[in-house]
Structure formats: structure tokens, C-alpha cells
Amino acid sequence: MFSINEILDIAIRLEKNSEAVYLQAAGNTSKPEIAAALEWMADEEAKHARWFDSLRNTIDIKSDATSLEELNGDFLKTIIGGKNFSLDDVDFEDIAQLSELLDVFVESERDGILFYEMLTPFIREEGTRTMLEHIIEEEHNHIKTLNEFIAPAPAPQM
């Protein structure tokens, strides 16, 4: 029901939406450490969007989408629009600690993964399903990177 191109469009839109939220929050906070982390995450989201876009060059995207596929794509784009899942409810000014902000980042990535996993049953074409699994894996890698920031440093051995 969904094409590879539609999945990539969704992935890019989600990354760009998150990037915009993080940049806006960075510009509105008076806490330099929080602003720096928000700007870093915005940059990470921009890199992800570029990476997803570059995947178009590695696959054969069929341009002969049926009207049902076009309707599905338009429907999803309308639903997603400027949405950012859990980021819509975050008041970044209330975040006092970097660890709280990192938790927000991880939760946002998990929301994206859940969204992609919800799409999986609607993917019939094996190549598209493989691409979606690749996108999910990349989001898991992003969470792993964020968790490395959150994890406490090991205590020195005596």
C-alpha cells in the first residue's frame, strides 16, 4: 500500500519537523547547555533527513504509483504535517537538566520507531519493507547514541 518513496518522504518529514522544534527551542532557552544540546540534536535530525534522502539514489523507485498509493501518501502527509509526536507536548523552557532533555530526545526517537512499526503491516512490497526496516534500524542507532550520553561514566577502579 505504501511505496518506498512515500516511506522516505515520511521519514524526511519527521526528521525535519523534529529539527525545526529543536532549533526553535534552542532559540528560546536561556540555558546555554540546553541550547547547545538542542542545536546538536537539530543537526543530528538534519543529518538523518539528508541520509534518508540519499537512500533514494540507492534504490529503484517506481514512478507508476497507483491512485490508491497516492491517496495513502497524501493522507499520511496530511496527518504528519508539522507533527512531532511527543515533542508537541514538551515545554523546553521547563527542562532544567541535560539528562531530562536527553530523555526527551530518546522518547521522540522511540515515537518515530513506533510510527514506522505501525506502517509495517501496510507494506506489501518486500523492497519497501526492507527499506522501512533499515529506517527503523537507523532510529535505533540514534537511540543508542543518545543512551551513551545518558549512561553514567564508569567509576574509576581503585
Protein backbone atom coordinates (compact mmCIF):
# COMPACT_ATOMS: atom_id res chain seq x y z
CA MET A 1 0.00 0.00 0.00
CA PHE A 2 2.90 2.40 0.63
CA SER A 3 5.79 2.88 -1.74
CA ILE A 4 9.46 3.28 -0.86
CA ASN A 5 9.25 6.89 -1.97
CA GLU A 6 6.33 7.57 0.38
CA ILE A 7 8.15 5.94 3.31
CA LEU A 8 11.24 8.05 2.63
CA ASP A 9 9.08 11.19 2.33
CA ILE A 10 7.55 10.40 5.73
CA ALA A 11 10.93 9.74 7.31
CA ILE A 12 12.34 13.00 5.94
CA ARG A 13 9.29 14.99 7.07
CA LEU A 14 9.51 13.57 10.61
CA GLU A 15 13.22 14.43 10.83
CA LYS A 16 12.67 17.96 9.51
CA ASN A 17 9.76 18.50 11.90
CA SER A 18 11.93 17.49 14.86
CA GLU A 19 14.81 19.63 13.62
CA ALA A 20 12.52 22.67 13.50
CA VAL A 21 11.23 22.05 17.04
CA TYR A 22 14.76 21.70 18.41
CA LEU A 23 16.00 24.85 16.67
CA GLN A 24 13.04 26.86 17.91
CA ALA A 25 13.54 25.58 21.46
CA ALA A 26 17.28 26.36 21.30
CA GLY A 27 16.48 29.93 20.32
CA ASN A 28 14.02 30.30 23.18
CA THR A 29 16.03 28.91 26.08
CA SER A 30 18.25 30.97 28.35
CA LYS A 31 20.27 27.92 29.42
CA PRO A 32 23.46 27.59 27.29
CA GLU A 33 23.95 23.86 27.99
CA ILE A 34 20.35 23.10 26.99
CA ALA A 35 20.60 25.31 23.89
CA ALA A 36 23.80 23.56 22.79
CA ALA A 37 22.21 20.12 23.19
CA LEU A 38 19.11 21.21 21.27
CA GLU A 39 21.26 22.58 18.45
CA TRP A 40 23.26 19.34 18.37
CA MET A 41 20.09 17.27 18.16
CA ALA A 42 18.68 19.54 15.44
CA ASP A 43 21.88 18.92 13.48
CA GLU A 44 21.51 15.16 14.02
CA GLU A 45 17.94 15.29 12.70
CA ALA A 46 19.10 17.29 9.66
CA LYS A 47 21.79 14.65 9.00
CA HIS A 48 19.17 11.92 9.26
CA ALA A 49 16.91 13.73 6.79
CA ARG A 50 19.82 14.04 4.33
CA TRP A 51 20.69 10.36 4.86
CA PHE A 52 17.10 9.28 4.20
CA ASP A 53 17.05 11.47 1.08
CA SER A 54 20.32 9.92 -0.13
CA LEU A 55 18.73 6.47 0.09
CA ARG A 56 16.67 7.42 -2.96
CA ASN A 57 19.87 7.12 -5.02
CA THR A 58 20.47 3.55 -3.87
CA ILE A 59 17.08 2.11 -4.77
CA ASP A 60 14.90 1.80 -7.83
CA ILE A 61 11.83 3.91 -7.12
CA LYS A 62 8.92 3.17 -9.41
CA SER A 63 7.15 6.29 -10.59
CA ASP A 64 3.98 4.46 -11.59
CA ALA A 65 2.17 4.76 -8.25
CA THR A 66 -1.49 3.87 -8.32
CA SER A 67 -4.09 6.40 -7.26
CA LEU A 68 -4.60 4.40 -4.05
CA GLU A 69 -0.89 4.73 -3.20
CA GLU A 70 -1.05 8.45 -3.97
CA LEU A 71 -4.08 8.77 -1.72
CA ASN A 72 -2.26 6.92 1.07
CA GLY A 73 0.77 9.19 0.72
CA ASP A 74 -1.34 12.35 0.73
CA PHE A 75 -3.29 11.06 3.73
CA LEU A 76 -0.12 10.35 5.71
CA LYS A 77 1.44 13.69 4.77
CA THR A 78 -1.72 15.44 5.96
CA ILE A 79 -1.67 13.54 9.25
CA ILE A 80 2.04 14.15 9.83
CA GLY A 81 2.16 17.73 8.58
CA GLY A 82 4.13 19.57 11.25
CA LYS A 83 3.57 16.96 13.95
CA ASN A 84 6.37 15.80 16.17
CA PHE A 85 4.62 13.16 18.27
CA SER A 86 5.79 13.53 21.88
CA LEU A 87 7.69 16.76 21.10
CA ASP A 88 4.40 18.59 20.68
CA ASP A 89 3.80 18.34 24.44
CA VAL A 90 7.28 19.35 25.63
CA ASP A 91 7.88 22.74 27.22
CA PHE A 92 11.61 23.01 26.69
CA GLU A 93 11.81 26.04 28.99
CA ASP A 94 10.81 23.78 31.90
CA ILE A 95 13.78 21.48 31.30
CA ALA A 96 16.49 22.25 33.82
CA GLN A 97 18.89 19.32 33.40
CA LEU A 98 20.62 17.95 30.34
CA SER A 99 19.61 14.43 31.39
CA GLU A 100 15.93 15.46 31.18
CA LEU A 101 16.49 16.77 27.68
CA LEU A 102 18.23 13.59 26.58
CA ASP A 103 15.23 11.62 27.87
CA VAL A 104 13.01 13.80 25.65
CA PHE A 105 15.25 13.08 22.66
CA VAL A 106 15.11 9.32 23.26
CA GLU A 107 11.33 9.38 23.70
CA SER A 108 10.96 11.25 20.42
CA GLU A 109 13.09 8.68 18.60
CA ARG A 110 11.02 5.86 20.12
CA ASP A 111 7.84 7.54 18.88
CA GLY A 112 9.26 7.56 15.37
CA ILE A 113 10.12 3.87 15.62
CA LEU A 114 6.60 3.05 16.82
CA PHE A 115 5.14 5.01 13.92
CA TYR A 116 7.27 3.13 11.39
CA GLU A 117 6.41 -0.18 13.04
CA MET A 118 2.71 0.70 12.72
CA LEU A 119 3.24 1.18 8.98
CA THR A 120 4.90 -2.22 8.56
CA PRO A 121 1.67 -4.27 8.18
CA PHE A 122 0.62 -1.97 5.35
CA ILE A 123 3.78 -2.64 3.34
CA ARG A 124 3.31 -5.39 0.78
CA GLU A 125 6.36 -4.96 -1.41
CA GLU A 126 9.47 -6.66 0.01
CA GLY A 127 11.90 -3.92 -1.08
CA THR A 128 9.78 -1.27 0.64
CA ARG A 129 9.53 -3.40 3.79
CA THR A 130 13.33 -3.82 3.78
CA MET A 131 13.77 -0.05 3.41
CA LEU A 132 11.41 0.57 6.32
CA GLU A 133 13.34 -1.92 8.45
CA HIS A 134 16.53 -0.06 7.52
CA ILE A 135 14.99 3.23 8.66
CA ILE A 136 13.87 1.65 11.94
CA GLU A 137 17.39 0.31 12.48
CA GLU A 138 18.84 3.79 11.92
CA GLU A 139 16.45 5.23 14.52
CA HIS A 140 17.55 2.52 16.97
CA ASN A 141 21.16 3.56 16.31
CA HIS A 142 20.21 7.13 17.14
CA ILE A 143 18.74 5.98 20.46
CA LYS A 144 21.91 4.01 21.17
CA THR A 145 23.99 7.17 20.62
CA LEU A 146 21.70 9.17 22.90
CA ASN A 147 21.81 6.49 25.60
CA GLU A 148 25.60 6.67 25.56
CA PHE A 149 25.24 10.31 26.60
CA ILE A 150 22.78 9.40 29.33
CA ALA A 151 24.69 6.45 30.76
CA PRO A 152 26.82 7.42 33.77
CA ALA A 153 30.56 7.23 33.31
CA PRO A 154 32.09 4.13 34.94
CA ALA A 155 33.61 4.71 38.36
CA PRO A 156 37.41 4.69 38.40
CA GLN A 157 38.91 1.39 39.58
CA MET A 158 40.98 1.54 42.73
